[in-house]
């Protein structure tokens, strides 16, 4: 976390994080911790680890607008909600994928069974009797009555 701190004058810090594309994703305004927030022009920028560059002009403009408006809030709660939504979406997508795959396997087994029985019925030269399960339980008496 110490690598993601930008020193602003004395005892004033801006806590931030970057996404993979290099955009500012988390912004905790220091004034909520009792520090003063100065305009973006007063920042002393430090190189970011793995980023290789200072804040972009768009990010500086965003920070300047936030400080001019005197906003003291934390986007970390919003970021957490978005991250939770993303996690829930990924979990739900995985669940739906498993359900679809299971249904496809069941359909494939059913299709193979239907094909097997269709071929068997088409190639029979004798009569094929199919009796409901309830009639089969009664036994020979029903068979004699049917004959």
C-alpha atoms as a PDB file:
ATOM      1  CA  UNK A   1       0.000   0.000   0.000  1.00  0.00           C
ATOM      2  CA  UNK A   2       2.917   2.342   0.697  1.00  0.00           C
ATOM      3  CA  UNK A   3       3.868   2.250  -2.993  1.00  0.00           C
ATOM      4  CA  UNK A   4       0.445   3.613  -3.905  1.00  0.00           C
ATOM      5  CA  UNK A   5       0.784   6.791  -1.850  1.00  0.00           C
ATOM      6  CA  UNK A   6       1.392  10.159  -3.468  1.00  0.00           C
ATOM      7  CA  UNK A   7       2.871  12.767  -1.146  1.00  0.00           C
ATOM      8  CA  UNK A   8       1.000  16.069  -1.277  1.00  0.00           C
ATOM      9  CA  UNK A   9       2.766  18.838   0.651  1.00  0.00           C
ATOM     10  CA  UNK A  10       3.058  17.990   4.346  1.00  0.00           C
ATOM     11  CA  UNK A  11       1.104  15.130   5.895  1.00  0.00           C
ATOM     12  CA  UNK A  12      -1.363  15.018   3.010  1.00  0.00           C
ATOM     13  CA  UNK A  13      -1.734  11.788   1.085  1.00  0.00           C
ATOM     14  CA  UNK A  14      -3.897  10.512  -1.693  1.00  0.00           C
ATOM     15  CA  UNK A  15      -4.550   6.757  -1.623  1.00  0.00           C
ATOM     16  CA  UNK A  16      -5.250   5.227  -5.017  1.00  0.00           C
ATOM     17  CA  UNK A  17      -5.050   2.107  -7.133  1.00  0.00           C
ATOM     18  CA  UNK A  18      -4.957   1.388 -10.843  1.00  0.00           C
ATOM     19  CA  UNK A  19      -6.729  -1.253 -12.887  1.00  0.00           C
ATOM     20  CA  UNK A  20      -4.902  -3.207 -15.609  1.00  0.00           C
ATOM     21  CA  UNK A  21      -5.645  -0.509 -18.205  1.00  0.00           C
ATOM     22  CA  UNK A  22      -4.020   2.143 -16.011  1.00  0.00           C
ATOM     23  CA  UNK A  23      -7.163   3.989 -14.925  1.00  0.00           C
ATOM     24  CA  UNK A  24      -7.732   5.247 -11.401  1.00  0.00           C
ATOM     25  CA  UNK A  25     -10.050   2.764  -9.686  1.00  0.00           C
ATOM     26  CA  UNK A  26      -9.947   3.484  -5.951  1.00  0.00           C
ATOM     27  CA  UNK A  27      -9.815   6.963  -4.490  1.00  0.00           C
ATOM     28  CA  UNK A  28      -9.888   7.634  -0.750  1.00  0.00           C
ATOM     29  CA  UNK A  29      -9.902  11.358  -0.199  1.00  0.00           C
ATOM     30  CA  UNK A  30      -7.388  12.106   2.592  1.00  0.00           C
ATOM     31  CA  UNK A  31      -9.552  14.766   4.219  1.00  0.00           C
ATOM     32  CA  UNK A  32     -11.764  12.038   5.662  1.00  0.00           C
ATOM     33  CA  UNK A  33      -8.725  11.176   7.815  1.00  0.00           C
ATOM     34  CA  UNK A  34      -8.131  14.787   8.871  1.00  0.00           C
ATOM     35  CA  UNK A  35      -5.596  15.735   6.186  1.00  0.00           C
ATOM     36  CA  UNK A  36      -5.834  18.738   3.892  1.00  0.00           C
ATOM     37  CA  UNK A  37      -6.519  18.160   0.211  1.00  0.00           C
ATOM     38  CA  UNK A  38      -4.769  20.524  -2.179  1.00  0.00           C
ATOM     39  CA  UNK A  39      -5.448  21.073  -5.906  1.00  0.00           C
ATOM     40  CA  UNK A  40      -3.854  18.653  -8.346  1.00  0.00           C
ATOM     41  CA  UNK A  41      -1.300  21.261  -9.425  1.00  0.00           C
ATOM     42  CA  UNK A  42       0.380  20.959  -6.026  1.00  0.00           C
ATOM     43  CA  UNK A  43       0.954  17.200  -6.261  1.00  0.00           C
ATOM     44  CA  UNK A  44       4.488  15.883  -6.184  1.00  0.00           C
ATOM     45  CA  UNK A  45       4.114  12.830  -8.396  1.00  0.00           C
ATOM     46  CA  UNK A  46       6.106   9.669  -7.839  1.00  0.00           C
ATOM     47  CA  UNK A  47       6.528   6.834 -10.371  1.00  0.00           C
ATOM     48  CA  UNK A  48       4.032   4.041  -9.811  1.00  0.00           C
ATOM     49  CA  UNK A  49       5.243   0.444  -9.427  1.00  0.00           C
ATOM     50  CA  UNK A  50       4.548  -1.590 -12.539  1.00  0.00           C
ATOM     51  CA  UNK A  51       2.857   1.367 -14.186  1.00  0.00           C
ATOM     52  CA  UNK A  52       5.959   3.227 -15.361  1.00  0.00           C
ATOM     53  CA  UNK A  53       4.252   6.633 -15.569  1.00  0.00           C
ATOM     54  CA  UNK A  54       2.731   9.373 -13.471  1.00  0.00           C
ATOM     55  CA  UNK A  55      -0.998  10.034 -13.355  1.00  0.00           C
ATOM     56  CA  UNK A  56      -2.507  10.812 -16.739  1.00  0.00           C
ATOM     57  CA  UNK A  57      -3.874  14.313 -17.467  1.00  0.00           C
ATOM     58  CA  UNK A  58      -7.421  12.941 -17.233  1.00  0.00           C
ATOM     59  CA  UNK A  59      -6.719  11.524 -13.782  1.00  0.00           C
ATOM     60  CA  UNK A  60      -5.164  14.814 -12.648  1.00  0.00           C
ATOM     61  CA  UNK A  61      -8.244  16.663 -13.929  1.00  0.00           C
ATOM     62  CA  UNK A  62     -10.493  14.283 -11.988  1.00  0.00           C
ATOM     63  CA  UNK A  63      -8.503  14.836  -8.810  1.00  0.00           C
ATOM     64  CA  UNK A  64      -8.521  18.592  -9.370  1.00  0.00           C
ATOM     65  CA  UNK A  65     -12.304  18.617  -9.800  1.00  0.00           C
ATOM     66  CA  UNK A  66     -12.766  16.542  -6.662  1.00  0.00           C
ATOM     67  CA  UNK A  67     -10.595  18.875  -4.617  1.00  0.00           C
ATOM     68  CA  UNK A  68     -12.181  22.058  -6.036  1.00  0.00           C
ATOM     69  CA  UNK A  69     -15.643  20.747  -5.208  1.00  0.00           C
ATOM     70  CA  UNK A  70     -14.407  20.037  -1.689  1.00  0.00           C
ATOM     71  CA  UNK A  71     -15.664  16.472  -1.833  1.00  0.00           C
ATOM     72  CA  UNK A  72     -14.581  14.268   1.029  1.00  0.00           C
ATOM     73  CA  UNK A  73     -15.772  10.753   0.348  1.00  0.00           C
ATOM     74  CA  UNK A  74     -14.497   7.287  -0.304  1.00  0.00           C
ATOM     75  CA  UNK A  75     -15.013   5.424  -3.530  1.00  0.00           C
ATOM     76  CA  UNK A  76     -13.738   2.252  -1.901  1.00  0.00           C
ATOM     77  CA  UNK A  77     -17.296   1.294  -0.839  1.00  0.00           C
ATOM     78  CA  UNK A  78     -18.496   1.796  -4.407  1.00  0.00           C
ATOM     79  CA  UNK A  79     -15.506  -0.141  -5.707  1.00  0.00           C
ATOM     80  CA  UNK A  80     -16.248  -2.953  -3.219  1.00  0.00           C
ATOM     81  CA  UNK A  81     -19.883  -3.100  -4.366  1.00  0.00           C
ATOM     82  CA  UNK A  82     -18.785  -3.256  -7.999  1.00  0.00           C
ATOM     83  CA  UNK A  83     -16.222  -5.952  -7.161  1.00  0.00           C
ATOM     84  CA  UNK A  84     -18.912  -7.916  -5.272  1.00  0.00           C
ATOM     85  CA  UNK A  85     -21.273  -7.607  -8.236  1.00  0.00           C
ATOM     86  CA  UNK A  86     -18.527  -8.803 -10.551  1.00  0.00           C
ATOM     87  CA  UNK A  87     -17.809 -11.775  -8.272  1.00  0.00           C
ATOM     88  CA  UNK A  88     -21.522 -12.633  -8.040  1.00  0.00           C
ATOM     89  CA  UNK A  89     -21.842 -12.357 -11.818  1.00  0.00           C
ATOM     90  CA  UNK A  90     -18.869 -14.664 -12.346  1.00  0.00           C
ATOM     91  CA  UNK A  91     -20.258 -17.192  -9.845  1.00  0.00           C
ATOM     92  CA  UNK A  92     -23.727 -17.106 -11.428  1.00  0.00           C
ATOM     93  CA  UNK A  93     -22.198 -17.480 -14.902  1.00  0.00           C
ATOM     94  CA  UNK A  94     -20.245 -20.535 -13.704  1.00  0.00           C
ATOM     95  CA  UNK A  95     -23.410 -22.039 -12.161  1.00  0.00           C
ATOM     96  CA  UNK A  96     -25.403 -21.479 -15.342  1.00  0.00           C
ATOM     97  CA  UNK A  97     -22.588 -22.952 -17.426  1.00  0.00           C
ATOM     98  CA  UNK A  98     -22.585 -26.100 -15.257  1.00  0.00           C
ATOM     99  CA  UNK A  99     -26.402 -26.350 -15.554  1.00  0.00           C
ATOM    100  CA  UNK A 100     -26.290 -25.991 -19.336  1.00  0.00           C
ATOM    101  CA  UNK A 101     -23.516 -28.585 -19.623  1.00  0.00           C
ATOM    102  CA  UNK A 102     -25.478 -31.033 -17.432  1.00  0.00           C
ATOM    103  CA  UNK A 103     -28.614 -30.545 -19.532  1.00  0.00           C
ATOM    104  CA  UNK A 104     -26.635 -31.054 -22.730  1.00  0.00           C
ATOM    105  CA  UNK A 105     -25.197 -34.329 -21.361  1.00  0.00           C
ATOM    106  CA  UNK A 106     -28.709 -35.501 -20.382  1.00  0.00           C
ATOM    107  CA  UNK A 107     -30.075 -34.575 -23.814  1.00  0.00           C
ATOM    108  CA  UNK A 108     -27.238 -36.487 -25.493  1.00  0.00           C
ATOM    109  CA  UNK A 109     -27.941 -39.624 -23.413  1.00  0.00           C
ATOM    110  CA  UNK A 110     -31.677 -39.332 -24.124  1.00  0.00           C
ATOM    111  CA  UNK A 111     -31.006 -38.866 -27.849  1.00  0.00           C
ATOM    112  CA  UNK A 112     -28.793 -41.984 -27.904  1.00  0.00           C
ATOM    113  CA  UNK A 113     -31.443 -44.011 -26.040  1.00  0.00           C
ATOM    114  CA  UNK A 114     -34.194 -42.857 -28.410  1.00  0.00           C
ATOM    115  CA  UNK A 115     -32.028 -43.747 -31.406  1.00  0.00           C
ATOM    116  CA  UNK A 116     -31.298 -47.223 -30.009  1.00  0.00           C
ATOM    117  CA  UNK A 117     -34.968 -47.984 -29.342  1.00  0.00           C
ATOM    118  CA  UNK A 118     -36.068 -46.535 -32.686  1.00  0.00           C
ATOM    119  CA  UNK A 119     -33.611 -48.763 -34.550  1.00  0.00           C
ATOM    120  CA  UNK A 120     -34.698 -51.772 -32.503  1.00  0.00           C
ATOM    121  CA  UNK A 121     -38.399 -51.118 -33.240  1.00  0.00           C
ATOM    122  CA  UNK A 122     -37.797 -50.576 -36.969  1.00  0.00           C
ATOM    123  CA  UNK A 123     -35.872 -53.851 -37.342  1.00  0.00           C
ATOM    124  CA  UNK A 124     -38.251 -56.130 -35.408  1.00  0.00           C
ATOM    125  CA  UNK A 125     -39.945 -58.825 -37.451  1.00  0.00           C
ATOM    126  CA  UNK A 126     -42.106 -60.043 -34.565  1.00  0.00           C
ATOM    127  CA  UNK A 127     -44.644 -58.251 -32.421  1.00  0.00           C
ATOM    128  CA  UNK A 128     -43.317 -56.168 -29.571  1.00  0.00           C
ATOM    129  CA  UNK A 129     -45.562 -55.973 -26.533  1.00  0.00           C
ATOM    130  CA  UNK A 130     -45.086 -53.103 -24.167  1.00  0.00           C
ATOM    131  CA  UNK A 131     -47.091 -53.252 -20.979  1.00  0.00           C
ATOM    132  CA  UNK A 132     -47.425 -50.560 -18.361  1.00  0.00           C
ATOM    133  CA  UNK A 133     -45.659 -51.325 -15.111  1.00  0.00           C
ATOM    134  CA  UNK A 134     -48.958 -51.712 -13.214  1.00  0.00           C
ATOM    135  CA  UNK A 135     -50.132 -54.462 -15.586  1.00  0.00           C
ATOM    136  CA  UNK A 136     -46.788 -56.263 -15.386  1.00  0.00           C
ATOM    137  CA  UNK A 137     -47.177 -56.516 -11.594  1.00  0.00           C
ATOM    138  CA  UNK A 138     -50.470 -58.425 -11.987  1.00  0.00           C
ATOM    139  CA  UNK A 139     -48.679 -61.276 -13.681  1.00  0.00           C
ATOM    140  CA  UNK A 140     -49.958 -64.055 -15.967  1.00  0.00           C
ATOM    141  CA  UNK A 141     -53.681 -63.493 -15.391  1.00  0.00           C
ATOM    142  CA  UNK A 142     -53.629 -60.335 -17.456  1.00  0.00           C
ATOM    143  CA  UNK A 143     -51.565 -61.986 -20.182  1.00  0.00           C
ATOM    144  CA  UNK A 144     -54.133 -64.781 -20.440  1.00  0.00           C
ATOM    145  CA  UNK A 145     -56.959 -62.244 -20.594  1.00  0.00           C
ATOM    146  CA  UNK A 146     -55.212 -60.316 -23.335  1.00  0.00           C
ATOM    147  CA  UNK A 147     -54.657 -63.476 -25.361  1.00  0.00           C
END
